[in-house]
């Protein structure tokens, strides 16, 4: 039960990911060539920074512990929710969210993760998420899956997190990564240590642009993705993003 709390979940997932990465590098030896890019989904961006040598493991653990705590405290338990909308164009999902917010000023529901052309995650107030789900189904969504999360991540309800997280990240020394890191917020590569804090703070309230991130790598000549971590969620998504990937 303790591990389900996002303040514990976030550093734990990062630690497992980095343990897997280091084992892979050690065992694969010369077969594991230096990646052209690193990319991580949501908190995975911190794992990418560690793997690329830009951030230490201990700094990442402390930052994610704080990030999780601040996110949990930003919205009272039960007031926020997230849901995956399946089988509907991402633009129509965004349109449904805007319609709900227009009808009920003050309510928040926004796209949080653009995971694939067939899967967009939304986040916001629980009641607004429910109404957005209904609108998405009216627009043709195949189904909607409520997500078992402790807070509505990657939406404007997380804005109280940013100034608090900024203080934590200000104490971290970032180095130039060994390869460009494709940022969630911009879906573009970054090698400038001076921009990392800005990008990490922005992703707290902005959607994860995973579709564009993967497409950007494909257009840059990447034909193989290696998912490193405790699951294979991203590997399952890649087939709908770029058929060239192995």
C-alpha atoms as a PDB file:
ATOM      1  CA  UNK A   1       0.000   0.000   0.000  1.00  0.00           C
ATOM      2  CA  UNK A   2       2.868   2.353   0.780  1.00  0.00           C
ATOM      3  CA  UNK A   3       4.406   1.716  -2.617  1.00  0.00           C
ATOM      4  CA  UNK A   4       1.177   2.823  -4.306  1.00  0.00           C
ATOM      5  CA  UNK A   5       1.649   6.352  -2.969  1.00  0.00           C
ATOM      6  CA  UNK A   6       3.068   8.447  -5.787  1.00  0.00           C
ATOM      7  CA  UNK A   7       5.807   9.878  -3.550  1.00  0.00           C
ATOM      8  CA  UNK A   8       7.136   6.315  -3.258  1.00  0.00           C
ATOM      9  CA  UNK A   9       6.100   5.005  -6.670  1.00  0.00           C
ATOM     10  CA  UNK A  10       7.976   7.612  -8.671  1.00  0.00           C
ATOM     11  CA  UNK A  11      11.492   7.086  -7.242  1.00  0.00           C
ATOM     12  CA  UNK A  12      10.895   3.309  -7.100  1.00  0.00           C
ATOM     13  CA  UNK A  13      10.078   3.070 -10.820  1.00  0.00           C
ATOM     14  CA  UNK A  14      13.090   5.229 -11.651  1.00  0.00           C
ATOM     15  CA  UNK A  15      15.373   3.047  -9.516  1.00  0.00           C
ATOM     16  CA  UNK A  16      14.187  -0.159 -11.202  1.00  0.00           C
ATOM     17  CA  UNK A  17      14.595   1.431 -14.632  1.00  0.00           C
ATOM     18  CA  UNK A  18      18.169   2.485 -13.922  1.00  0.00           C
ATOM     19  CA  UNK A  19      19.018  -0.924 -12.421  1.00  0.00           C
ATOM     20  CA  UNK A  20      17.750  -2.538 -15.642  1.00  0.00           C
ATOM     21  CA  UNK A  21      19.704  -0.050 -17.751  1.00  0.00           C
ATOM     22  CA  UNK A  22      22.957  -0.658 -15.914  1.00  0.00           C
ATOM     23  CA  UNK A  23      22.491  -4.435 -16.115  1.00  0.00           C
ATOM     24  CA  UNK A  24      21.813  -4.155 -19.838  1.00  0.00           C
ATOM     25  CA  UNK A  25      24.930  -2.064 -20.430  1.00  0.00           C
ATOM     26  CA  UNK A  26      27.049  -4.479 -18.378  1.00  0.00           C
ATOM     27  CA  UNK A  27      25.727  -7.682 -19.934  1.00  0.00           C
ATOM     28  CA  UNK A  28      25.366  -6.496 -23.525  1.00  0.00           C
ATOM     29  CA  UNK A  29      28.811  -4.930 -23.655  1.00  0.00           C
ATOM     30  CA  UNK A  30      29.685  -3.753 -27.160  1.00  0.00           C
ATOM     31  CA  UNK A  31      26.330  -4.957 -28.485  1.00  0.00           C
ATOM     32  CA  UNK A  32      24.620  -2.128 -26.651  1.00  0.00           C
ATOM     33  CA  UNK A  33      25.699   0.825 -28.752  1.00  0.00           C
ATOM     34  CA  UNK A  34      25.478   4.391 -27.519  1.00  0.00           C
ATOM     35  CA  UNK A  35      21.870   5.441 -28.186  1.00  0.00           C
ATOM     36  CA  UNK A  36      21.156   8.211 -30.657  1.00  0.00           C
ATOM     37  CA  UNK A  37      18.532   9.519 -28.234  1.00  0.00           C
ATOM     38  CA  UNK A  38      17.138   8.994 -24.772  1.00  0.00           C
ATOM     39  CA  UNK A  39      13.461   9.525 -24.012  1.00  0.00           C
ATOM     40  CA  UNK A  40      11.253   8.866 -21.012  1.00  0.00           C
ATOM     41  CA  UNK A  41       7.507   9.068 -20.525  1.00  0.00           C
ATOM     42  CA  UNK A  42       6.480  11.407 -17.690  1.00  0.00           C
ATOM     43  CA  UNK A  43       8.641  10.508 -14.655  1.00  0.00           C
ATOM     44  CA  UNK A  44      10.640   8.416 -17.123  1.00  0.00           C
ATOM     45  CA  UNK A  45      12.252  11.623 -18.302  1.00  0.00           C
ATOM     46  CA  UNK A  46      14.178  11.612 -15.014  1.00  0.00           C
ATOM     47  CA  UNK A  47      15.294   8.034 -15.710  1.00  0.00           C
ATOM     48  CA  UNK A  48      16.434   9.163 -19.159  1.00  0.00           C
ATOM     49  CA  UNK A  49      18.468  11.975 -17.592  1.00  0.00           C
ATOM     50  CA  UNK A  50      20.191   9.529 -15.244  1.00  0.00           C
ATOM     51  CA  UNK A  51      20.851   6.999 -18.015  1.00  0.00           C
ATOM     52  CA  UNK A  52      22.352   9.760 -20.156  1.00  0.00           C
ATOM     53  CA  UNK A  53      24.677  10.868 -17.370  1.00  0.00           C
ATOM     54  CA  UNK A  54      23.016  14.255 -16.970  1.00  0.00           C
ATOM     55  CA  UNK A  55      21.644  13.663 -13.472  1.00  0.00           C
ATOM     56  CA  UNK A  56      22.873  11.478 -10.613  1.00  0.00           C
ATOM     57  CA  UNK A  57      20.766   8.614  -9.313  1.00  0.00           C
ATOM     58  CA  UNK A  58      20.561  10.149  -5.843  1.00  0.00           C
ATOM     59  CA  UNK A  59      19.512  13.566  -7.165  1.00  0.00           C
ATOM     60  CA  UNK A  60      16.821  11.955  -9.311  1.00  0.00           C
ATOM     61  CA  UNK A  61      15.508   9.924  -6.371  1.00  0.00           C
ATOM     62  CA  UNK A  62      15.278  13.009  -4.165  1.00  0.00           C
ATOM     63  CA  UNK A  63      13.630  15.063  -6.905  1.00  0.00           C
ATOM     64  CA  UNK A  64      11.058  12.381  -7.694  1.00  0.00           C
ATOM     65  CA  UNK A  65      10.274  11.832  -4.021  1.00  0.00           C
ATOM     66  CA  UNK A  66       9.551  15.558  -3.726  1.00  0.00           C
ATOM     67  CA  UNK A  67       7.699  15.650  -7.071  1.00  0.00           C
ATOM     68  CA  UNK A  68       5.422  12.825  -5.977  1.00  0.00           C
ATOM     69  CA  UNK A  69       4.753  14.415  -2.594  1.00  0.00           C
ATOM     70  CA  UNK A  70       3.950  17.805  -4.127  1.00  0.00           C
ATOM     71  CA  UNK A  71       1.651  16.226  -6.724  1.00  0.00           C
ATOM     72  CA  UNK A  72      -0.229  14.294  -4.059  1.00  0.00           C
ATOM     73  CA  UNK A  73      -0.711  17.459  -2.026  1.00  0.00           C
ATOM     74  CA  UNK A  74      -1.775  19.615  -4.991  1.00  0.00           C
ATOM     75  CA  UNK A  75      -5.253  18.084  -5.294  1.00  0.00           C
ATOM     76  CA  UNK A  76      -7.281  16.616  -2.392  1.00  0.00           C
ATOM     77  CA  UNK A  77      -7.776  12.858  -2.590  1.00  0.00           C
ATOM     78  CA  UNK A  78     -10.796  11.923  -4.667  1.00  0.00           C
ATOM     79  CA  UNK A  79     -11.109  15.280  -6.413  1.00  0.00           C
ATOM     80  CA  UNK A  80      -8.883  14.432  -9.370  1.00  0.00           C
ATOM     81  CA  UNK A  81      -8.950  11.649 -11.948  1.00  0.00           C
ATOM     82  CA  UNK A  82      -7.410  10.386 -15.176  1.00  0.00           C
ATOM     83  CA  UNK A  83      -8.792   8.211 -17.950  1.00  0.00           C
ATOM     84  CA  UNK A  84      -7.491   6.702 -21.169  1.00  0.00           C
ATOM     85  CA  UNK A  85      -9.679   7.405 -24.202  1.00  0.00           C
ATOM     86  CA  UNK A  86      -9.331   4.679 -26.828  1.00  0.00           C
ATOM     87  CA  UNK A  87     -10.173   4.756 -30.498  1.00  0.00           C
ATOM     88  CA  UNK A  88     -10.783   8.471 -30.940  1.00  0.00           C
ATOM     89  CA  UNK A  89      -8.729  11.058 -32.809  1.00  0.00           C
ATOM     90  CA  UNK A  90      -6.646  13.084 -30.305  1.00  0.00           C
ATOM     91  CA  UNK A  91      -8.033  16.357 -31.679  1.00  0.00           C
ATOM     92  CA  UNK A  92     -11.583  15.198 -30.925  1.00  0.00           C
ATOM     93  CA  UNK A  93     -10.517  14.257 -27.405  1.00  0.00           C
ATOM     94  CA  UNK A  94      -9.097  17.757 -26.892  1.00  0.00           C
ATOM     95  CA  UNK A  95     -12.295  19.201 -28.341  1.00  0.00           C
ATOM     96  CA  UNK A  96     -14.419  17.233 -25.858  1.00  0.00           C
ATOM     97  CA  UNK A  97     -12.310  18.547 -22.969  1.00  0.00           C
ATOM     98  CA  UNK A  98     -12.722  22.139 -24.155  1.00  0.00           C
ATOM     99  CA  UNK A  99     -16.488  21.711 -24.452  1.00  0.00           C
ATOM    100  CA  UNK A 100     -16.751  20.494 -20.858  1.00  0.00           C
ATOM    101  CA  UNK A 101     -14.658  23.382 -19.560  1.00  0.00           C
ATOM    102  CA  UNK A 102     -16.690  25.891 -21.575  1.00  0.00           C
ATOM    103  CA  UNK A 103     -19.943  24.561 -20.167  1.00  0.00           C
ATOM    104  CA  UNK A 104     -18.660  24.568 -16.603  1.00  0.00           C
ATOM    105  CA  UNK A 105     -16.264  27.449 -15.924  1.00  0.00           C
ATOM    106  CA  UNK A 106     -13.781  26.529 -13.225  1.00  0.00           C
ATOM    107  CA  UNK A 107     -13.790  22.847 -14.036  1.00  0.00           C
ATOM    108  CA  UNK A 108     -10.575  21.353 -15.387  1.00  0.00           C
ATOM    109  CA  UNK A 109     -10.192  18.460 -17.810  1.00  0.00           C
ATOM    110  CA  UNK A 110      -7.342  18.406 -20.319  1.00  0.00           C
ATOM    111  CA  UNK A 111      -5.344  16.004 -22.495  1.00  0.00           C
ATOM    112  CA  UNK A 112      -2.501  14.691 -20.320  1.00  0.00           C
ATOM    113  CA  UNK A 113      -0.755  12.049 -22.447  1.00  0.00           C
ATOM    114  CA  UNK A 114      -0.777  11.748 -26.218  1.00  0.00           C
ATOM    115  CA  UNK A 115       0.312   8.121 -26.089  1.00  0.00           C
ATOM    116  CA  UNK A 116      -0.628   6.940 -29.575  1.00  0.00           C
ATOM    117  CA  UNK A 117      -3.003   7.914 -32.388  1.00  0.00           C
ATOM    118  CA  UNK A 118      -5.513   5.567 -30.746  1.00  0.00           C
ATOM    119  CA  UNK A 119      -4.917   6.430 -27.082  1.00  0.00           C
ATOM    120  CA  UNK A 120      -5.114   9.812 -25.374  1.00  0.00           C
ATOM    121  CA  UNK A 121      -5.174  10.160 -21.607  1.00  0.00           C
ATOM    122  CA  UNK A 122      -7.168  12.978 -20.015  1.00  0.00           C
ATOM    123  CA  UNK A 123      -6.831  14.434 -16.512  1.00  0.00           C
ATOM    124  CA  UNK A 124      -8.620  16.920 -14.293  1.00  0.00           C
ATOM    125  CA  UNK A 125     -11.426  17.195 -11.762  1.00  0.00           C
ATOM    126  CA  UNK A 126     -13.155  13.847 -11.304  1.00  0.00           C
ATOM    127  CA  UNK A 127     -16.597  15.119 -12.347  1.00  0.00           C
ATOM    128  CA  UNK A 128     -15.184  16.911 -15.395  1.00  0.00           C
ATOM    129  CA  UNK A 129     -13.295  13.786 -16.467  1.00  0.00           C
ATOM    130  CA  UNK A 130     -16.547  11.809 -16.256  1.00  0.00           C
ATOM    131  CA  UNK A 131     -18.339  14.337 -18.459  1.00  0.00           C
ATOM    132  CA  UNK A 132     -15.448  14.402 -20.937  1.00  0.00           C
ATOM    133  CA  UNK A 133     -15.609  10.617 -21.155  1.00  0.00           C
ATOM    134  CA  UNK A 134     -19.305  10.841 -22.042  1.00  0.00           C
ATOM    135  CA  UNK A 135     -18.593  13.442 -24.739  1.00  0.00           C
ATOM    136  CA  UNK A 136     -15.767  11.359 -26.164  1.00  0.00           C
ATOM    137  CA  UNK A 137     -18.100   8.390 -26.460  1.00  0.00           C
ATOM    138  CA  UNK A 138     -20.639  10.585 -28.230  1.00  0.00           C
ATOM    139  CA  UNK A 139     -17.863  11.531 -30.686  1.00  0.00           C
ATOM    140  CA  UNK A 140     -17.106   7.879 -31.393  1.00  0.00           C
ATOM    141  CA  UNK A 141     -14.573   6.693 -28.798  1.00  0.00           C
ATOM    142  CA  UNK A 142     -14.459   2.905 -28.602  1.00  0.00           C
ATOM    143  CA  UNK A 143     -14.076   2.938 -24.833  1.00  0.00           C
ATOM    144  CA  UNK A 144     -12.667   4.806 -21.870  1.00  0.00           C
ATOM    145  CA  UNK A 145     -10.572   3.286 -19.100  1.00  0.00           C
ATOM    146  CA  UNK A 146     -10.352   5.076 -15.731  1.00  0.00           C
ATOM    147  CA  UNK A 147      -6.765   4.951 -14.460  1.00  0.00           C
ATOM    148  CA  UNK A 148      -5.875   3.951 -10.879  1.00  0.00           C
ATOM    149  CA  UNK A 149      -3.821   7.049 -10.075  1.00  0.00           C
ATOM    150  CA  UNK A 150      -3.495   9.094  -6.923  1.00  0.00           C
ATOM    151  CA  UNK A 151      -3.558  12.502  -8.648  1.00  0.00           C
ATOM    152  CA  UNK A 152      -4.468  14.111 -12.004  1.00  0.00           C
ATOM    153  CA  UNK A 153      -1.003  14.390 -13.528  1.00  0.00           C
ATOM    154  CA  UNK A 154       0.051  16.601 -16.448  1.00  0.00           C
ATOM    155  CA  UNK A 155      -2.792  19.103 -16.239  1.00  0.00           C
ATOM    156  CA  UNK A 156      -3.201  22.631 -14.894  1.00  0.00           C
ATOM    157  CA  UNK A 157      -4.350  21.345 -11.490  1.00  0.00           C
ATOM    158  CA  UNK A 158      -0.682  20.512 -10.901  1.00  0.00           C
ATOM    159  CA  UNK A 159       0.441  24.154 -11.127  1.00  0.00           C
ATOM    160  CA  UNK A 160       1.049  24.424  -7.326  1.00  0.00           C
ATOM    161  CA  UNK A 161       3.764  21.807  -7.784  1.00  0.00           C
ATOM    162  CA  UNK A 162       5.967  23.929 -10.041  1.00  0.00           C
ATOM    163  CA  UNK A 163       7.346  26.552  -7.609  1.00  0.00           C
ATOM    164  CA  UNK A 164       7.978  23.901  -4.957  1.00  0.00           C
ATOM    165  CA  UNK A 165       9.709  21.555  -7.390  1.00  0.00           C
ATOM    166  CA  UNK A 166      11.742  24.478  -8.752  1.00  0.00           C
ATOM    167  CA  UNK A 167      13.389  24.873  -5.349  1.00  0.00           C
ATOM    168  CA  UNK A 168      14.344  21.207  -5.298  1.00  0.00           C
ATOM    169  CA  UNK A 169      15.734  21.204  -8.837  1.00  0.00           C
ATOM    170  CA  UNK A 170      17.687  24.412  -8.186  1.00  0.00           C
ATOM    171  CA  UNK A 171      19.970  22.382  -5.919  1.00  0.00           C
ATOM    172  CA  UNK A 172      20.778  19.857  -8.665  1.00  0.00           C
ATOM    173  CA  UNK A 173      23.789  20.167 -10.956  1.00  0.00           C
ATOM    174  CA  UNK A 174      22.904  18.909 -14.426  1.00  0.00           C
ATOM    175  CA  UNK A 175      25.590  17.799 -16.867  1.00  0.00           C
ATOM    176  CA  UNK A 176      25.452  17.597 -20.640  1.00  0.00           C
ATOM    177  CA  UNK A 177      23.832  14.266 -21.590  1.00  0.00           C
ATOM    178  CA  UNK A 178      25.806  11.714 -23.585  1.00  0.00           C
ATOM    179  CA  UNK A 179      23.058  11.846 -26.239  1.00  0.00           C
ATOM    180  CA  UNK A 180      20.108  14.193 -26.823  1.00  0.00           C
ATOM    181  CA  UNK A 181      17.097  13.689 -24.587  1.00  0.00           C
ATOM    182  CA  UNK A 182      13.723  14.037 -26.300  1.00  0.00           C
ATOM    183  CA  UNK A 183      11.674  16.158 -23.925  1.00  0.00           C
ATOM    184  CA  UNK A 184       8.030  15.393 -23.125  1.00  0.00           C
ATOM    185  CA  UNK A 185       6.994  19.026 -23.442  1.00  0.00           C
ATOM    186  CA  UNK A 186       8.573  19.892 -26.778  1.00  0.00           C
ATOM    187  CA  UNK A 187       8.881  16.433 -28.385  1.00  0.00           C
ATOM    188  CA  UNK A 188      12.285  17.717 -29.498  1.00  0.00           C
ATOM    189  CA  UNK A 189      15.874  16.831 -28.541  1.00  0.00           C
ATOM    190  CA  UNK A 190      17.785  18.752 -25.903  1.00  0.00           C
ATOM    191  CA  UNK A 191      21.454  18.644 -24.941  1.00  0.00           C
ATOM    192  CA  UNK A 192      21.622  21.947 -23.053  1.00  0.00           C
ATOM    193  CA  UNK A 193      21.912  21.412 -19.265  1.00  0.00           C
ATOM    194  CA  UNK A 194      20.643  24.963 -18.793  1.00  0.00           C
ATOM    195  CA  UNK A 195      17.225  24.057 -20.233  1.00  0.00           C
ATOM    196  CA  UNK A 196      16.602  20.877 -18.246  1.00  0.00           C
ATOM    197  CA  UNK A 197      14.965  22.483 -15.200  1.00  0.00           C
ATOM    198  CA  UNK A 198      12.647  24.523 -17.413  1.00  0.00           C
ATOM    199  CA  UNK A 199      11.589  21.399 -19.313  1.00  0.00           C
ATOM    200  CA  UNK A 200      11.035  19.338 -16.162  1.00  0.00           C
ATOM    201  CA  UNK A 201       8.932  22.070 -14.586  1.00  0.00           C
ATOM    202  CA  UNK A 202       6.863  22.555 -17.728  1.00  0.00           C
ATOM    203  CA  UNK A 203       6.013  18.865 -18.012  1.00  0.00           C
ATOM    204  CA  UNK A 204       4.280  18.968 -14.615  1.00  0.00           C
ATOM    205  CA  UNK A 205       1.285  20.772 -16.118  1.00  0.00           C
ATOM    206  CA  UNK A 206       1.722  20.020 -19.823  1.00  0.00           C
ATOM    207  CA  UNK A 207       0.723  16.922 -21.772  1.00  0.00           C
ATOM    208  CA  UNK A 208       3.282  14.248 -22.595  1.00  0.00           C
ATOM    209  CA  UNK A 209       3.737  14.462 -26.378  1.00  0.00           C
ATOM    210  CA  UNK A 210       4.802  10.858 -26.775  1.00  0.00           C
ATOM    211  CA  UNK A 211       3.439  10.341 -30.292  1.00  0.00           C
ATOM    212  CA  UNK A 212       5.441  13.304 -31.618  1.00  0.00           C
ATOM    213  CA  UNK A 213       8.499  12.232 -29.629  1.00  0.00           C
ATOM    214  CA  UNK A 214       8.584   8.785 -31.210  1.00  0.00           C
ATOM    215  CA  UNK A 215       7.835  10.141 -34.669  1.00  0.00           C
ATOM    216  CA  UNK A 216      10.638  12.688 -34.281  1.00  0.00           C
ATOM    217  CA  UNK A 217      13.114   9.919 -33.491  1.00  0.00           C
ATOM    218  CA  UNK A 218      11.898   7.851 -36.443  1.00  0.00           C
ATOM    219  CA  UNK A 219      12.345  10.787 -38.809  1.00  0.00           C
ATOM    220  CA  UNK A 220      15.874  11.241 -37.461  1.00  0.00           C
ATOM    221  CA  UNK A 221      16.859   7.743 -38.535  1.00  0.00           C
ATOM    222  CA  UNK A 222      16.071   5.684 -35.431  1.00  0.00           C
ATOM    223  CA  UNK A 223      14.752   2.237 -36.362  1.00  0.00           C
ATOM    224  CA  UNK A 224      15.060   0.403 -33.036  1.00  0.00           C
ATOM    225  CA  UNK A 225      13.655   1.287 -29.628  1.00  0.00           C
ATOM    226  CA  UNK A 226      14.769  -0.412 -26.419  1.00  0.00           C
ATOM    227  CA  UNK A 227      12.384  -0.043 -23.491  1.00  0.00           C
ATOM    228  CA  UNK A 228      14.243  -0.223 -20.193  1.00  0.00           C
ATOM    229  CA  UNK A 229      12.215  -0.562 -17.014  1.00  0.00           C
ATOM    230  CA  UNK A 230       9.741  -2.659 -15.029  1.00  0.00           C
ATOM    231  CA  UNK A 231       7.138  -3.065 -17.786  1.00  0.00           C
ATOM    232  CA  UNK A 232       6.468  -2.992 -21.516  1.00  0.00           C
ATOM    233  CA  UNK A 233       3.751  -0.359 -21.787  1.00  0.00           C
ATOM    234  CA  UNK A 234       5.713   1.785 -24.223  1.00  0.00           C
ATOM    235  CA  UNK A 235       6.713  -1.226 -26.307  1.00  0.00           C
ATOM    236  CA  UNK A 236       3.046  -2.059 -26.711  1.00  0.00           C
ATOM    237  CA  UNK A 237       2.384   1.495 -27.908  1.00  0.00           C
ATOM    238  CA  UNK A 238       5.176   1.688 -30.469  1.00  0.00           C
ATOM    239  CA  UNK A 239       3.447  -0.549 -33.029  1.00  0.00           C
ATOM    240  CA  UNK A 240       0.788   2.102 -33.528  1.00  0.00           C
ATOM    241  CA  UNK A 241       3.358   4.888 -33.765  1.00  0.00           C
ATOM    242  CA  UNK A 242       5.981   3.830 -36.280  1.00  0.00           C
ATOM    243  CA  UNK A 243       6.022   0.502 -38.065  1.00  0.00           C
ATOM    244  CA  UNK A 244       9.723   0.873 -38.838  1.00  0.00           C
ATOM    245  CA  UNK A 245      10.646   0.125 -35.243  1.00  0.00           C
ATOM    246  CA  UNK A 246      11.848  -3.313 -34.215  1.00  0.00           C
END
